[in-house]
Amino acid sequence: MEENEKKIQDVLAKLDEKQINYEMQRHPAVDRIDQIADLNLIHPETAAKNLFPRDDKHQHYYLVSIMPQKRVDLKAFRKEIGARHLSFASAEDMEKYLALRPGSVTPMGALNDT
């Protein structure tokens, strides 16, 4: 079993152990939120836009999930959380901290951050 699949199975086992109900649907990674409509999701109303910004010193990273129709104002977000200038993390940072690639960001990726 590949490492990523093992991590998925570990998360599902933990959810089962805690008796947390869930439905999982696998789908290809998408680069833009408008591509979600093409996926025929079981519950399209639960889709989320997941973003991975970082500060300009590459010291703090944030995993942000929002409704697909919302826009993220990084300046306002930065001020609200008291962070330095924010921009989106690179594909390399995403792989390093979340073990994910662009288009496949999920809140579950935070489980990969050591």
PDB file of N, CA and C in Angstrom:
ATOM      1  N   MET A   1       0.862  -1.182   0.000  1.00  0.00           N
ATOM      2  CA  MET A   1       0.000   0.000   0.000  1.00  0.00           C
ATOM      3  C   MET A   1       0.899   1.233   0.000  1.00  0.00           C
ATOM      4  N   GLU A   2       0.634   2.166  -0.919  1.00  0.00           N
ATOM      5  CA  GLU A   2       1.459   3.360  -0.973  1.00  0.00           C
ATOM      6  C   GLU A   2       1.259   4.201   0.286  1.00  0.00           C
ATOM      7  N   GLU A   3       2.230   5.061   0.582  1.00  0.00           N
ATOM      8  CA  GLU A   3       2.221   5.843   1.826  1.00  0.00           C
ATOM      9  C   GLU A   3       0.969   6.710   1.962  1.00  0.00           C
ATOM     10  N   ASN A   4       0.568   7.381   0.895  1.00  0.00           N
ATOM     11  CA  ASN A   4      -0.607   8.248   0.957  1.00  0.00           C
ATOM     12  C   ASN A   4      -1.873   7.439   1.256  1.00  0.00           C
ATOM     13  N   GLU A   5      -2.015   6.285   0.613  1.00  0.00           N
ATOM     14  CA  GLU A   5      -3.181   5.433   0.858  1.00  0.00           C
ATOM     15  C   GLU A   5      -3.176   4.930   2.301  1.00  0.00           C
ATOM     16  N   LYS A   6      -2.019   4.647   2.844  1.00  0.00           N
ATOM     17  CA  LYS A   6      -1.910   4.221   4.239  1.00  0.00           C
ATOM     18  C   LYS A   6      -2.400   5.333   5.162  1.00  0.00           C
ATOM     19  N   LYS A   7      -2.017   6.576   4.872  1.00  0.00           N
ATOM     20  CA  LYS A   7      -2.459   7.705   5.688  1.00  0.00           C
ATOM     21  C   LYS A   7      -3.976   7.851   5.636  1.00  0.00           C
ATOM     22  N   ILE A   8      -4.544   7.689   4.450  1.00  0.00           N
ATOM     23  CA  ILE A   8      -6.001   7.770   4.307  1.00  0.00           C
ATOM     24  C   ILE A   8      -6.664   6.688   5.145  1.00  0.00           C
ATOM     25  N   GLN A   9      -6.153   5.485   5.063  1.00  0.00           N
ATOM     26  CA  GLN A   9      -6.734   4.381   5.834  1.00  0.00           C
ATOM     27  C   GLN A   9      -6.597   4.626   7.341  1.00  0.00           C
ATOM     28  N   ASP A  10      -5.487   5.231   7.754  1.00  0.00           N
ATOM     29  CA  ASP A  10      -5.303   5.558   9.175  1.00  0.00           C
ATOM     30  C   ASP A  10      -6.348   6.576   9.645  1.00  0.00           C
ATOM     31  N   VAL A  11      -6.616   7.595   8.819  1.00  0.00           N
ATOM     32  CA  VAL A  11      -7.623   8.602   9.172  1.00  0.00           C
ATOM     33  C   VAL A  11      -9.003   7.960   9.251  1.00  0.00           C
ATOM     34  N   LEU A  12      -9.332   7.133   8.280  1.00  0.00           N
ATOM     35  CA  LEU A  12     -10.635   6.476   8.287  1.00  0.00           C
ATOM     36  C   LEU A  12     -10.786   5.558   9.494  1.00  0.00           C
ATOM     37  N   ALA A  13      -9.723   4.871   9.859  1.00  0.00           N
ATOM     38  CA  ALA A  13      -9.765   4.010  11.042  1.00  0.00           C
ATOM     39  C   ALA A  13     -10.014   4.829  12.299  1.00  0.00           C
ATOM     40  N   LYS A  14      -9.400   6.002  12.391  1.00  0.00           N
ATOM     41  CA  LYS A  14      -9.595   6.881  13.551  1.00  0.00           C
ATOM     42  C   LYS A  14     -11.041   7.382  13.592  1.00  0.00           C
ATOM     43  N   LEU A  15     -11.589   7.753  12.453  1.00  0.00           N
ATOM     44  CA  LEU A  15     -12.985   8.185  12.407  1.00  0.00           C
ATOM     45  C   LEU A  15     -13.915   7.050  12.846  1.00  0.00           C
ATOM     46  N   ASP A  16     -13.630   5.837  12.365  1.00  0.00           N
ATOM     47  CA  ASP A  16     -14.426   4.673  12.764  1.00  0.00           C
ATOM     48  C   ASP A  16     -14.304   4.423  14.270  1.00  0.00           C
ATOM     49  N   GLU A  17     -13.087   4.512  14.775  1.00  0.00           N
ATOM     50  CA  GLU A  17     -12.844   4.290  16.208  1.00  0.00           C
ATOM     51  C   GLU A  17     -13.650   5.270  17.057  1.00  0.00           C
ATOM     52  N   LYS A  18     -13.727   6.513  16.602  1.00  0.00           N
ATOM     53  CA  LYS A  18     -14.463   7.555  17.336  1.00  0.00           C
ATOM     54  C   LYS A  18     -15.950   7.553  16.995  1.00  0.00           C
ATOM     55  N   GLN A  19     -16.372   6.603  16.164  1.00  0.00           N
ATOM     56  CA  GLN A  19     -17.764   6.464  15.724  1.00  0.00           C
ATOM     57  C   GLN A  19     -18.281   7.749  15.076  1.00  0.00           C
ATOM     58  N   ILE A  20     -17.426   8.332  14.242  1.00  0.00           N
ATOM     59  CA  ILE A  20     -17.788   9.531  13.490  1.00  0.00           C
ATOM     60  C   ILE A  20     -18.272   9.097  12.111  1.00  0.00           C
ATOM     61  N   ASN A  21     -19.503   9.450  11.793  1.00  0.00           N
ATOM     62  CA  ASN A  21     -20.062   9.097  10.491  1.00  0.00           C
ATOM     63  C   ASN A  21     -19.431   9.965   9.403  1.00  0.00           C
ATOM     64  N   TYR A  22     -19.199   9.372   8.258  1.00  0.00           N
ATOM     65  CA  TYR A  22     -18.627  10.102   7.133  1.00  0.00           C
ATOM     66  C   TYR A  22     -18.979   9.388   5.836  1.00  0.00           C
ATOM     67  N   GLU A  23     -18.880  10.107   4.768  1.00  0.00           N
ATOM     68  CA  GLU A  23     -18.936   9.550   3.425  1.00  0.00           C
ATOM     69  C   GLU A  23     -17.683  10.031   2.728  1.00  0.00           C
ATOM     70  N   MET A  24     -17.034   9.147   2.026  1.00  0.00           N
ATOM     71  CA  MET A  24     -15.835   9.543   1.305  1.00  0.00           C
ATOM     72  C   MET A  24     -16.064   9.314  -0.176  1.00  0.00           C
ATOM     73  N   GLN A  25     -15.686  10.301  -0.945  1.00  0.00           N
ATOM     74  CA  GLN A  25     -15.761  10.178  -2.389  1.00  0.00           C
ATOM     75  C   GLN A  25     -14.426  10.619  -2.960  1.00  0.00           C
ATOM     76  N   ARG A  26     -13.779   9.729  -3.644  1.00  0.00           N
ATOM     77  CA  ARG A  26     -12.508  10.079  -4.295  1.00  0.00           C
ATOM     78  C   ARG A  26     -12.805  10.773  -5.619  1.00  0.00           C
ATOM     79  N   HIS A  27     -11.965  11.742  -5.944  1.00  0.00           N
ATOM     80  CA  HIS A  27     -12.105  12.446  -7.214  1.00  0.00           C
ATOM     81  C   HIS A  27     -10.742  12.987  -7.616  1.00  0.00           C
ATOM     82  N   PRO A  28     -10.579  13.273  -8.900  1.00  0.00           N
ATOM     83  CA  PRO A  28      -9.305  13.843  -9.342  1.00  0.00           C
ATOM     84  C   PRO A  28      -9.083  15.227  -8.734  1.00  0.00           C
ATOM     85  N   ALA A  29      -7.832  15.607  -8.621  1.00  0.00           N
ATOM     86  CA  ALA A  29      -7.490  16.945  -8.131  1.00  0.00           C
ATOM     87  C   ALA A  29      -8.013  17.985  -9.122  1.00  0.00           C
ATOM     88  N   VAL A  30      -8.389  19.143  -8.585  1.00  0.00           N
ATOM     89  CA  VAL A  30      -8.829  20.252  -9.434  1.00  0.00           C
ATOM     90  C   VAL A  30      -7.992  21.482  -9.116  1.00  0.00           C
ATOM     91  N   ASP A  31      -7.691  22.258 -10.139  1.00  0.00           N
ATOM     92  CA  ASP A  31      -6.884  23.462  -9.968  1.00  0.00           C
ATOM     93  C   ASP A  31      -7.726  24.694  -9.661  1.00  0.00           C
ATOM     94  N   ARG A  32      -8.994  24.658 -10.082  1.00  0.00           N
ATOM     95  CA  ARG A  32      -9.879  25.809  -9.885  1.00  0.00           C
ATOM     96  C   ARG A  32     -11.217  25.319  -9.358  1.00  0.00           C
ATOM     97  N   ILE A  33     -11.829  26.124  -8.528  1.00  0.00           N
ATOM     98  CA  ILE A  33     -13.086  25.740  -7.893  1.00  0.00           C
ATOM     99  C   ILE A  33     -14.198  25.519  -8.913  1.00  0.00           C
ATOM    100  N   ASP A  34     -14.145  26.191 -10.067  1.00  0.00           N
ATOM    101  CA  ASP A  34     -15.201  26.002 -11.063  1.00  0.00           C
ATOM    102  C   ASP A  34     -15.169  24.607 -11.684  1.00  0.00           C
ATOM    103  N   GLN A  35     -14.073  23.876 -11.501  1.00  0.00           N
ATOM    104  CA  GLN A  35     -13.974  22.508 -12.020  1.00  0.00           C
ATOM    105  C   GLN A  35     -14.741  21.505 -11.152  1.00  0.00           C
ATOM    106  N   ILE A  36     -15.140  21.915  -9.963  1.00  0.00           N
ATOM    107  CA  ILE A  36     -15.875  21.046  -9.054  1.00  0.00           C
ATOM    108  C   ILE A  36     -17.164  20.541  -9.703  1.00  0.00           C
ATOM    109  N   ALA A  37     -17.838  21.393 -10.464  1.00  0.00           N
ATOM    110  CA  ALA A  37     -19.116  21.020 -11.082  1.00  0.00           C
ATOM    111  C   ALA A  37     -18.970  19.800 -11.995  1.00  0.00           C
ATOM    112  N   ASP A  38     -17.790  19.588 -12.546  1.00  0.00           N
ATOM    113  CA  ASP A  38     -17.559  18.475 -13.465  1.00  0.00           C
ATOM    114  C   ASP A  38     -17.325  17.139 -12.748  1.00  0.00           C
ATOM    115  N   LEU A  39     -17.256  17.159 -11.423  1.00  0.00           N
ATOM    116  CA  LEU A  39     -16.887  15.951 -10.673  1.00  0.00           C
ATOM    117  C   LEU A  39     -18.069  15.063 -10.282  1.00  0.00           C
ATOM    118  N   ASN A  40     -19.286  15.553 -10.429  1.00  0.00           N
ATOM    119  CA  ASN A  40     -20.466  14.783 -10.017  1.00  0.00           C
ATOM    120  C   ASN A  40     -20.348  14.297  -8.582  1.00  0.00           C
ATOM    121  N   LEU A  41     -20.093  15.220  -7.676  1.00  0.00           N
ATOM    122  CA  LEU A  41     -19.954  14.882  -6.267  1.00  0.00           C
ATOM    123  C   LEU A  41     -21.284  14.415  -5.677  1.00  0.00           C
ATOM    124  N   ILE A  42     -21.200  13.550  -4.677  1.00  0.00           N
ATOM    125  CA  ILE A  42     -22.393  13.057  -3.987  1.00  0.00           C
ATOM    126  C   ILE A  42     -23.120  14.224  -3.323  1.00  0.00           C
ATOM    127  N   HIS A  43     -22.370  15.105  -2.676  1.00  0.00           N
ATOM    128  CA  HIS A  43     -22.927  16.265  -1.971  1.00  0.00           C
ATOM    129  C   HIS A  43     -22.214  17.532  -2.445  1.00  0.00           C
ATOM    130  N   PRO A  44     -22.544  18.024  -3.641  1.00  0.00           N
ATOM    131  CA  PRO A  44     -21.828  19.201  -4.159  1.00  0.00           C
ATOM    132  C   PRO A  44     -21.971  20.432  -3.273  1.00  0.00           C
ATOM    133  N   GLU A  45     -23.034  20.494  -2.480  1.00  0.00           N
ATOM    134  CA  GLU A  45     -23.242  21.641  -1.597  1.00  0.00           C
ATOM    135  C   GLU A  45     -22.214  21.703  -0.467  1.00  0.00           C
ATOM    136  N   THR A  46     -21.472  20.631  -0.261  1.00  0.00           N
ATOM    137  CA  THR A  46     -20.467  20.622   0.801  1.00  0.00           C
ATOM    138  C   THR A  46     -19.059  20.884   0.274  1.00  0.00           C
ATOM    139  N   ALA A  47     -18.939  21.195  -0.997  1.00  0.00           N
ATOM    140  CA  ALA A  47     -17.620  21.473  -1.570  1.00  0.00           C
ATOM    141  C   ALA A  47     -16.994  22.680  -0.869  1.00  0.00           C
ATOM    142  N   ALA A  48     -15.687  22.678  -0.775  1.00  0.00           N
ATOM    143  CA  ALA A  48     -14.967  23.787  -0.151  1.00  0.00           C
ATOM    144  C   ALA A  48     -13.754  24.134  -0.993  1.00  0.00           C
ATOM    145  N   LYS A  49     -13.394  25.388  -0.924  1.00  0.00           N
ATOM    146  CA  LYS A  49     -12.161  25.869  -1.554  1.00  0.00           C
ATOM    147  C   LYS A  49     -11.109  25.842  -0.454  1.00  0.00           C
ATOM    148  N   ASN A  50     -10.027  25.123  -0.670  1.00  0.00           N
ATOM    149  CA  ASN A  50      -8.971  24.971   0.330  1.00  0.00           C
ATOM    150  C   ASN A  50      -7.703  25.649  -0.173  1.00  0.00           C
ATOM    151  N   LEU A  51      -7.172  26.549   0.638  1.00  0.00           N
ATOM    152  CA  LEU A  51      -6.023  27.365   0.254  1.00  0.00           C
ATOM    153  C   LEU A  51      -4.900  27.184   1.267  1.00  0.00           C
ATOM    154  N   PHE A  52      -3.673  27.379   0.818  1.00  0.00           N
ATOM    155  CA  PHE A  52      -2.505  27.188   1.671  1.00  0.00           C
ATOM    156  C   PHE A  52      -1.569  28.396   1.560  1.00  0.00           C
ATOM    157  N   PRO A  53      -1.911  29.510   2.235  1.00  0.00           N
ATOM    158  CA  PRO A  53      -1.019  30.679   2.221  1.00  0.00           C
ATOM    159  C   PRO A  53       0.091  30.564   3.267  1.00  0.00           C
ATOM    160  N   ARG A  54       1.113  31.396   3.103  1.00  0.00           N
ATOM    161  CA  ARG A  54       2.243  31.443   4.037  1.00  0.00           C
ATOM    162  C   ARG A  54       2.676  32.893   4.188  1.00  0.00           C
ATOM    163  N   ASP A  55       3.430  33.163   5.268  1.00  0.00           N
ATOM    164  CA  ASP A  55       3.927  34.526   5.441  1.00  0.00           C
ATOM    165  C   ASP A  55       5.193  34.727   4.621  1.00  0.00           C
ATOM    166  N   ASP A  56       5.622  35.982   4.516  1.00  0.00           N
ATOM    167  CA  ASP A  56       6.761  36.316   3.651  1.00  0.00           C
ATOM    168  C   ASP A  56       8.101  35.813   4.176  1.00  0.00           C
ATOM    169  N   LYS A  57       8.154  35.376   5.409  1.00  0.00           N
ATOM    170  CA  LYS A  57       9.384  34.811   5.968  1.00  0.00           C
ATOM    171  C   LYS A  57       9.398  33.282   5.899  1.00  0.00           C
ATOM    172  N   HIS A  58       8.346  32.707   5.336  1.00  0.00           N
ATOM    173  CA  HIS A  58       8.217  31.241   5.233  1.00  0.00           C
ATOM    174  C   HIS A  58       8.270  30.578   6.612  1.00  0.00           C
ATOM    175  N   GLN A  59       7.742  31.260   7.621  1.00  0.00           N
ATOM    176  CA  GLN A  59       7.744  30.723   8.979  1.00  0.00           C
ATOM    177  C   GLN A  59       6.377  30.211   9.409  1.00  0.00           C
ATOM    178  N   HIS A  60       5.316  30.826   8.900  1.00  0.00           N
ATOM    179  CA  HIS A  60       3.965  30.447   9.296  1.00  0.00           C
ATOM    180  C   HIS A  60       3.147  30.114   8.059  1.00  0.00           C
ATOM    181  N   TYR A  61       2.481  28.972   8.114  1.00  0.00           N
ATOM    182  CA  TYR A  61       1.640  28.494   7.026  1.00  0.00           C
ATOM    183  C   TYR A  61       0.231  28.323   7.568  1.00  0.00           C
ATOM    184  N   TYR A  62      -0.763  28.528   6.707  1.00  0.00           N
ATOM    185  CA  TYR A  62      -2.155  28.475   7.122  1.00  0.00           C
ATOM    186  C   TYR A  62      -2.940  27.617   6.140  1.00  0.00           C
ATOM    187  N   LEU A  63      -3.805  26.793   6.654  1.00  0.00           N
ATOM    188  CA  LEU A  63      -4.698  25.997   5.820  1.00  0.00           C
ATOM    189  C   LEU A  63      -6.089  26.587   5.981  1.00  0.00           C
ATOM    190  N   VAL A  64      -6.617  27.156   4.902  1.00  0.00           N
ATOM    191  CA  VAL A  64      -7.871  27.895   4.941  1.00  0.00           C
ATOM    192  C   VAL A  64      -8.904  27.169   4.086  1.00  0.00           C
ATOM    193  N   SER A  65     -10.077  26.891   4.665  1.00  0.00           N
ATOM    194  CA  SER A  65     -11.191  26.288   3.931  1.00  0.00           C
ATOM    195  C   SER A  65     -12.358  27.268   3.943  1.00  0.00           C
ATOM    196  N   ILE A  66     -12.873  27.545   2.763  1.00  0.00           N
ATOM    197  CA  ILE A  66     -14.002  28.476   2.651  1.00  0.00           C
ATOM    198  C   ILE A  66     -15.008  27.949   1.634  1.00  0.00           C
ATOM    199  N   MET A  67     -16.184  28.524   1.650  1.00  0.00           N
ATOM    200  CA  MET A  67     -17.217  28.160   0.675  1.00  0.00           C
ATOM    201  C   MET A  67     -16.716  28.548  -0.721  1.00  0.00           C
ATOM    202  N   PRO A  68     -17.052  27.754  -1.728  1.00  0.00           N
ATOM    203  CA  PRO A  68     -16.528  27.989  -3.083  1.00  0.00           C
ATOM    204  C   PRO A  68     -16.816  29.370  -3.659  1.00  0.00           C
ATOM    205  N   GLN A  69     -17.959  29.953  -3.333  1.00  0.00           N
ATOM    206  CA  GLN A  69     -18.320  31.243  -3.912  1.00  0.00           C
ATOM    207  C   GLN A  69     -17.631  32.417  -3.224  1.00  0.00           C
ATOM    208  N   LYS A  70     -16.949  32.170  -2.102  1.00  0.00           N
ATOM    209  CA  LYS A  70     -16.275  33.240  -1.365  1.00  0.00           C
ATOM    210  C   LYS A  70     -14.887  33.495  -1.936  1.00  0.00           C
ATOM    211  N   ARG A  71     -14.434  34.732  -1.757  1.00  0.00           N
ATOM    212  CA  ARG A  71     -13.067  35.110  -2.136  1.00  0.00           C
ATOM    213  C   ARG A  71     -12.278  35.354  -0.862  1.00  0.00           C
ATOM    214  N   VAL A  72     -11.017  35.064  -0.898  1.00  0.00           N
ATOM    215  CA  VAL A  72     -10.159  35.326   0.255  1.00  0.00           C
ATOM    216  C   VAL A  72      -9.379  36.600  -0.012  1.00  0.00           C
ATOM    217  N   ASP A  73      -9.522  37.553   0.884  1.00  0.00           N
ATOM    218  CA  ASP A  73      -8.755  38.785   0.844  1.00  0.00           C
ATOM    219  C   ASP A  73      -7.568  38.555   1.779  1.00  0.00           C
ATOM    220  N   LEU A  74      -6.404  38.220   1.204  1.00  0.00           N
ATOM    221  CA  LEU A  74      -5.238  37.894   2.029  1.00  0.00           C
ATOM    222  C   LEU A  74      -4.814  39.057   2.916  1.00  0.00           C
ATOM    223  N   LYS A  75      -4.987  40.301   2.451  1.00  0.00           N
ATOM    224  CA  LYS A  75      -4.631  41.458   3.288  1.00  0.00           C
ATOM    225  C   LYS A  75      -5.519  41.515   4.517  1.00  0.00           C
ATOM    226  N   ALA A  76      -6.822  41.345   4.332  1.00  0.00           N
ATOM    227  CA  ALA A  76      -7.758  41.374   5.471  1.00  0.00           C
ATOM    228  C   ALA A  76      -7.512  40.185   6.396  1.00  0.00           C
ATOM    229  N   PHE A  77      -7.264  39.018   5.813  1.00  0.00           N
ATOM    230  CA  PHE A  77      -6.990  37.822   6.616  1.00  0.00           C
ATOM    231  C   PHE A  77      -5.725  38.024   7.442  1.00  0.00           C
ATOM    232  N   ARG A  78      -4.690  38.577   6.804  1.00  0.00           N
ATOM    233  CA  ARG A  78      -3.427  38.840   7.491  1.00  0.00           C
ATOM    234  C   ARG A  78      -3.654  39.746   8.691  1.00  0.00           C
ATOM    235  N   LYS A  79      -4.393  40.818   8.484  1.00  0.00           N
ATOM    236  CA  LYS A  79      -4.660  41.756   9.582  1.00  0.00           C
ATOM    237  C   LYS A  79      -5.449  41.087  10.698  1.00  0.00           C
ATOM    238  N   GLU A  80      -6.432  40.283  10.323  1.00  0.00           N
ATOM    239  CA  GLU A  80      -7.274  39.636  11.326  1.00  0.00           C
ATOM    240  C   GLU A  80      -6.485  38.675  12.219  1.00  0.00           C
ATOM    241  N   ILE A  81      -5.525  37.972  11.639  1.00  0.00           N
ATOM    242  CA  ILE A  81      -4.760  37.003  12.434  1.00  0.00           C
ATOM    243  C   ILE A  81      -3.434  37.571  12.937  1.00  0.00           C
ATOM    244  N   GLY A  82      -3.123  38.805  12.569  1.00  0.00           N
ATOM    245  CA  GLY A  82      -1.892  39.433  13.028  1.00  0.00           C
ATOM    246  C   GLY A  82      -0.640  38.852  12.402  1.00  0.00           C
ATOM    247  N   ALA A  83      -0.736  38.499  11.132  1.00  0.00           N
ATOM    248  CA  ALA A  83       0.396  37.882  10.436  1.00  0.00           C
ATOM    249  C   ALA A  83       1.145  38.909   9.586  1.00  0.00           C
ATOM    250  N   ARG A  84       2.299  38.506   9.123  1.00  0.00           N
ATOM    251  CA  ARG A  84       3.073  39.301   8.181  1.00  0.00           C
ATOM    252  C   ARG A  84       2.405  39.191   6.805  1.00  0.00           C
ATOM    253  N   HIS A  85       3.001  39.808   5.794  1.00  0.00           N
ATOM    254  CA  HIS A  85       2.490  39.737   4.425  1.00  0.00           C
ATOM    255  C   HIS A  85       2.294  38.274   4.030  1.00  0.00           C
ATOM    256  N   LEU A  86       1.158  37.972   3.391  1.00  0.00           N
ATOM    257  CA  LEU A  86       0.841  36.600   2.993  1.00  0.00           C
ATOM    258  C   LEU A  86       0.821  36.450   1.480  1.00  0.00           C
ATOM    259  N   SER A  87       1.238  35.285   1.029  1.00  0.00           N
ATOM    260  CA  SER A  87       1.070  34.875  -0.362  1.00  0.00           C
ATOM    261  C   SER A  87       0.866  33.366  -0.338  1.00  0.00           C
ATOM    262  N   PHE A  88       0.561  32.805  -1.484  1.00  0.00           N
ATOM    263  CA  PHE A  88       0.295  31.370  -1.508  1.00  0.00           C
ATOM    264  C   PHE A  88       1.600  30.572  -1.490  1.00  0.00           C
ATOM    265  N   ALA A  89       1.573  29.493  -0.723  1.00  0.00           N
ATOM    266  CA  ALA A  89       2.742  28.629  -0.599  1.00  0.00           C
ATOM    267  C   ALA A  89       3.037  27.948  -1.937  1.00  0.00           C
ATOM    268  N   SER A  90       4.278  27.585  -2.112  1.00  0.00           N
ATOM    269  CA  SER A  90       4.702  26.912  -3.344  1.00  0.00           C
ATOM    270  C   SER A  90       4.280  25.446  -3.322  1.00  0.00           C
ATOM    271  N   ALA A  91       4.335  24.826  -4.477  1.00  0.00           N
ATOM    272  CA  ALA A  91       4.054  23.386  -4.572  1.00  0.00           C
ATOM    273  C   ALA A  91       5.033  22.599  -3.702  1.00  0.00           C
ATOM    274  N   GLU A  92       6.269  23.068  -3.624  1.00  0.00           N
ATOM    275  CA  GLU A  92       7.278  22.381  -2.810  1.00  0.00           C
ATOM    276  C   GLU A  92       6.920  22.458  -1.321  1.00  0.00           C
ATOM    277  N   ASP A  93       6.480  23.632  -0.873  1.00  0.00           N
ATOM    278  CA  ASP A  93       6.065  23.774   0.525  1.00  0.00           C
ATOM    279  C   ASP A  93       4.838  22.915   0.824  1.00  0.00           C
ATOM    280  N   MET A  94       3.920  22.878  -0.119  1.00  0.00           N
ATOM    281  CA  MET A  94       2.714  22.074   0.052  1.00  0.00           C
ATOM    282  C   MET A  94       3.072  20.605   0.225  1.00  0.00           C
ATOM    283  N   GLU A  95       4.007  20.142  -0.569  1.00  0.00           N
ATOM    284  CA  GLU A  95       4.465  18.749  -0.465  1.00  0.00           C
ATOM    285  C   GLU A  95       5.182  18.524   0.863  1.00  0.00           C
ATOM    286  N   LYS A  96       6.034  19.467   1.232  1.00  0.00           N
ATOM    287  CA  LYS A  96       6.824  19.338   2.458  1.00  0.00           C
ATOM    288  C   LYS A  96       5.949  19.293   3.714  1.00  0.00           C
ATOM    289  N   TYR A  97       4.976  20.192   3.814  1.00  0.00           N
ATOM    290  CA  TYR A  97       4.197  20.312   5.044  1.00  0.00           C
ATOM    291  C   TYR A  97       2.901  19.512   5.061  1.00  0.00           C
ATOM    292  N   LEU A  98       2.286  19.332   3.902  1.00  0.00           N
ATOM    293  CA  LEU A  98       0.990  18.653   3.870  1.00  0.00           C
ATOM    294  C   LEU A  98       1.021  17.319   3.139  1.00  0.00           C
ATOM    295  N   ALA A  99       2.140  17.033   2.473  1.00  0.00           N
ATOM    296  CA  ALA A  99       2.254  15.837   1.634  1.00  0.00           C
ATOM    297  C   ALA A  99       1.154  15.836   0.561  1.00  0.00           C
ATOM    298  N   LEU A 100       0.865  17.031   0.035  1.00  0.00           N
ATOM    299  CA  LEU A 100      -0.152  17.198  -1.003  1.00  0.00           C
ATOM    300  C   LEU A 100       0.433  17.984  -2.158  1.00  0.00           C
ATOM    301  N   ARG A 101      -0.259  17.929  -3.279  1.00  0.00           N
ATOM    302  CA  ARG A 101       0.157  18.709  -4.436  1.00  0.00           C
ATOM    303  C   ARG A 101      -0.934  19.701  -4.784  1.00  0.00           C
ATOM    304  N   PRO A 102      -0.612  20.753  -5.531  1.00  0.00           N
ATOM    305  CA  PRO A 102      -1.638  21.725  -5.906  1.00  0.00           C
ATOM    306  C   PRO A 102      -2.840  21.035  -6.540  1.00  0.00           C
ATOM    307  N   GLY A 103      -4.022  21.479  -6.162  1.00  0.00           N
ATOM    308  CA  GLY A 103      -5.253  20.887  -6.673  1.00  0.00           C
ATOM    309  C   GLY A 103      -5.807  19.796  -5.776  1.00  0.00           C
ATOM    310  N   SER A 104      -5.021  19.391  -4.761  1.00  0.00           N
ATOM    311  CA  SER A 104      -5.493  18.323  -3.882  1.00  0.00           C
ATOM    312  C   SER A 104      -5.458  18.733  -2.413  1.00  0.00           C
ATOM    313  N   VAL A 105      -5.484  20.030  -2.154  1.00  0.00           N
ATOM    314  CA  VAL A 105      -5.442  20.507  -0.767  1.00  0.00           C
ATOM    315  C   VAL A 105      -6.753  20.149  -0.073  1.00  0.00           C
ATOM    316  N   THR A 106      -6.621  19.601   1.112  1.00  0.00           N
ATOM    317  CA  THR A 106      -7.750  19.192   1.925  1.00  0.00           C
ATOM    318  C   THR A 106      -7.418  19.466   3.382  1.00  0.00           C
ATOM    319  N   PRO A 107      -8.416  19.746   4.216  1.00  0.00           N
ATOM    320  CA  PRO A 107      -8.121  19.916   5.636  1.00  0.00           C
ATOM    321  C   PRO A 107      -7.427  18.701   6.250  1.00  0.00           C
ATOM    322  N   MET A 108      -7.676  17.530   5.717  1.00  0.00           N
ATOM    323  CA  MET A 108      -7.014  16.322   6.224  1.00  0.00           C
ATOM    324  C   MET A 108      -5.498  16.379   6.013  1.00  0.00           C
ATOM    325  N   GLY A 109      -5.051  17.224   5.099  1.00  0.00           N
ATOM    326  CA  GLY A 109      -3.615  17.381   4.857  1.00  0.00           C
ATOM    327  C   GLY A 109      -2.879  17.866   6.098  1.00  0.00           C
ATOM    328  N   ALA A 110      -3.572  18.563   6.986  1.00  0.00           N
ATOM    329  CA  ALA A 110      -2.940  19.051   8.223  1.00  0.00           C
ATOM    330  C   ALA A 110      -2.449  17.869   9.065  1.00  0.00           C
ATOM    331  N   LEU A 111      -3.025  16.706   8.891  1.00  0.00           N
ATOM    332  CA  LEU A 111      -2.582  15.523   9.641  1.00  0.00           C
ATOM    333  C   LEU A 111      -1.179  15.091   9.246  1.00  0.00           C
ATOM    334  N   ASN A 112      -0.731  15.532   8.074  1.00  0.00           N
ATOM    335  CA  ASN A 112       0.601  15.165   7.597  1.00  0.00           C
ATOM    336  C   ASN A 112       1.691  16.089   8.104  1.00  0.00           C
ATOM    337  N   ASP A 113       1.303  17.218   8.711  1.00  0.00           N
ATOM    338  CA  ASP A 113       2.282  18.191   9.189  1.00  0.00           C
ATOM    339  C   ASP A 113       2.903  17.695  10.487  1.00  0.00           C
ATOM    340  N   THR A 114       4.197  17.445  10.448  1.00  0.00           N
ATOM    341  CA  THR A 114       4.873  16.954  11.648  1.00  0.00           C
ATOM    342  C   THR A 114       5.289  18.109  12.539  1.00  0.00           C
TER     343      THR A 114
END
